[in-house]
Amino acid sequence: MKSNTYYSNLNGGIRICLTLSFLTKGTTYPVGQSSVDLWLDTVDSFHECGMHHIAHKVDEAVCNVVEKCGVEK
């Protein structure tokens, strides 16, 4: 049986992916560098927890947002 931490992290990863998916469809405004850094730190956290599949999905979503919206300088 998986721990509550695992499911909490899984839920967080899904929420991040949904949020990033919404950003790619709903806006063309650039995202802040601090937001991108936070998302990528979250990717690292998923890898540290052994949640590599979720980490790759979140990383892919971050890349899509950066490609579509750009990053503020």
C-alpha atoms as a PDB file:
ATOM      1  CA  MET A   1       0.000   0.000   0.000  1.00  0.00           C
ATOM      2  CA  LYS A   2       1.309   3.440  -0.949  1.00  0.00           C
ATOM      3  CA  SER A   3       1.769   6.098   1.706  1.00  0.00           C
ATOM      4  CA  ASN A   4      -0.329   9.218   2.121  1.00  0.00           C
ATOM      5  CA  THR A   5       2.734  11.266   1.127  1.00  0.00           C
ATOM      6  CA  TYR A   6       2.873   9.465  -2.196  1.00  0.00           C
ATOM      7  CA  TYR A   7      -0.768  10.218  -2.960  1.00  0.00           C
ATOM      8  CA  SER A   8      -0.394  13.797  -1.753  1.00  0.00           C
ATOM      9  CA  ASN A   9       2.561  14.282  -4.119  1.00  0.00           C
ATOM     10  CA  LEU A  10       0.647  12.591  -6.926  1.00  0.00           C
ATOM     11  CA  ASN A  11      -2.309  14.917  -6.367  1.00  0.00           C
ATOM     12  CA  GLY A  12       0.032  17.929  -6.375  1.00  0.00           C
ATOM     13  CA  GLY A  13       1.618  16.810  -9.634  1.00  0.00           C
ATOM     14  CA  ILE A  14      -1.757  16.404 -11.294  1.00  0.00           C
ATOM     15  CA  ARG A  15      -2.831  19.854 -10.107  1.00  0.00           C
ATOM     16  CA  ILE A  16       0.362  21.422 -11.461  1.00  0.00           C
ATOM     17  CA  CYS A  17      -0.115  19.716 -14.834  1.00  0.00           C
ATOM     18  CA  LEU A  18      -3.717  20.900 -15.052  1.00  0.00           C
ATOM     19  CA  THR A  19      -2.719  24.449 -14.142  1.00  0.00           C
ATOM     20  CA  LEU A  20       0.062  24.486 -16.717  1.00  0.00           C
ATOM     21  CA  SER A  21      -2.261  23.005 -19.325  1.00  0.00           C
ATOM     22  CA  PHE A  22      -4.716  25.818 -18.639  1.00  0.00           C
ATOM     23  CA  LEU A  23      -1.925  28.384 -19.043  1.00  0.00           C
ATOM     24  CA  THR A  24      -1.002  27.070 -22.491  1.00  0.00           C
ATOM     25  CA  LYS A  25      -4.607  27.351 -23.649  1.00  0.00           C
ATOM     26  CA  GLY A  26      -5.757  30.485 -21.861  1.00  0.00           C
ATOM     27  CA  THR A  27      -3.002  33.058 -22.069  1.00  0.00           C
ATOM     28  CA  THR A  28      -0.045  34.256 -24.056  1.00  0.00           C
ATOM     29  CA  TYR A  29       1.400  36.412 -21.280  1.00  0.00           C
ATOM     30  CA  PRO A  30       4.940  35.463 -20.248  1.00  0.00           C
ATOM     31  CA  VAL A  31       5.308  33.607 -16.968  1.00  0.00           C
ATOM     32  CA  GLY A  32       7.702  34.747 -14.266  1.00  0.00           C
ATOM     33  CA  GLN A  33      11.127  33.194 -13.883  1.00  0.00           C
ATOM     34  CA  SER A  34      10.364  32.505 -10.217  1.00  0.00           C
ATOM     35  CA  SER A  35       7.327  30.432 -11.230  1.00  0.00           C
ATOM     36  CA  VAL A  36       9.391  28.402 -13.675  1.00  0.00           C
ATOM     37  CA  ASP A  37      12.069  27.856 -11.002  1.00  0.00           C
ATOM     38  CA  LEU A  38       9.422  26.682  -8.521  1.00  0.00           C
ATOM     39  CA  TRP A  39       7.917  24.257 -11.031  1.00  0.00           C
ATOM     40  CA  LEU A  40      11.346  22.833 -11.868  1.00  0.00           C
ATOM     41  CA  ASP A  41      12.151  22.462  -8.154  1.00  0.00           C
ATOM     42  CA  THR A  42       8.930  20.483  -7.882  1.00  0.00           C
ATOM     43  CA  VAL A  43      10.126  18.252 -10.741  1.00  0.00           C
ATOM     44  CA  ASP A  44      13.320  17.587  -8.769  1.00  0.00           C
ATOM     45  CA  SER A  45      11.248  16.758  -5.680  1.00  0.00           C
ATOM     46  CA  PHE A  46       9.228  14.212  -7.636  1.00  0.00           C
ATOM     47  CA  HIS A  47      12.436  12.568  -8.857  1.00  0.00           C
ATOM     48  CA  GLU A  48      13.762  12.434  -5.275  1.00  0.00           C
ATOM     49  CA  CYS A  49      10.552  10.683  -4.184  1.00  0.00           C
ATOM     50  CA  GLY A  50      10.909   8.143  -6.988  1.00  0.00           C
ATOM     51  CA  MET A  51       7.915   9.537  -8.876  1.00  0.00           C
ATOM     52  CA  HIS A  52       9.749   9.748 -12.186  1.00  0.00           C
ATOM     53  CA  HIS A  53       6.676   9.421 -14.417  1.00  0.00           C
ATOM     54  CA  ILE A  54       4.959  12.392 -12.746  1.00  0.00           C
ATOM     55  CA  ALA A  55       8.227  14.350 -12.820  1.00  0.00           C
ATOM     56  CA  HIS A  56       8.504  13.889 -16.580  1.00  0.00           C
ATOM     57  CA  LYS A  57       4.869  14.888 -17.143  1.00  0.00           C
ATOM     58  CA  VAL A  58       5.287  18.083 -15.078  1.00  0.00           C
ATOM     59  CA  ASP A  59       8.586  18.849 -16.838  1.00  0.00           C
ATOM     60  CA  GLU A  60       6.886  18.427 -20.216  1.00  0.00           C
ATOM     61  CA  ALA A  61       4.066  20.747 -19.133  1.00  0.00           C
ATOM     62  CA  VAL A  62       6.582  23.385 -17.954  1.00  0.00           C
ATOM     63  CA  CYS A  63       8.380  23.195 -21.303  1.00  0.00           C
ATOM     64  CA  ASN A  64       5.080  23.657 -23.157  1.00  0.00           C
ATOM     65  CA  VAL A  65       4.249  26.776 -21.114  1.00  0.00           C
ATOM     66  CA  VAL A  66       7.702  28.274 -21.642  1.00  0.00           C
ATOM     67  CA  GLU A  67       7.550  27.587 -25.401  1.00  0.00           C
ATOM     68  CA  LYS A  68       4.086  29.092 -25.794  1.00  0.00           C
ATOM     69  CA  CYS A  69       4.138  31.956 -23.313  1.00  0.00           C
ATOM     70  CA  GLY A  70       7.799  32.743 -22.823  1.00  0.00           C
ATOM     71  CA  VAL A  71       9.490  33.851 -19.606  1.00  0.00           C
ATOM     72  CA  GLU A  72       9.674  37.371 -18.205  1.00  0.00           C
ATOM     73  CA  LYS A  73      13.185  38.738 -17.901  1.00  0.00           C
END
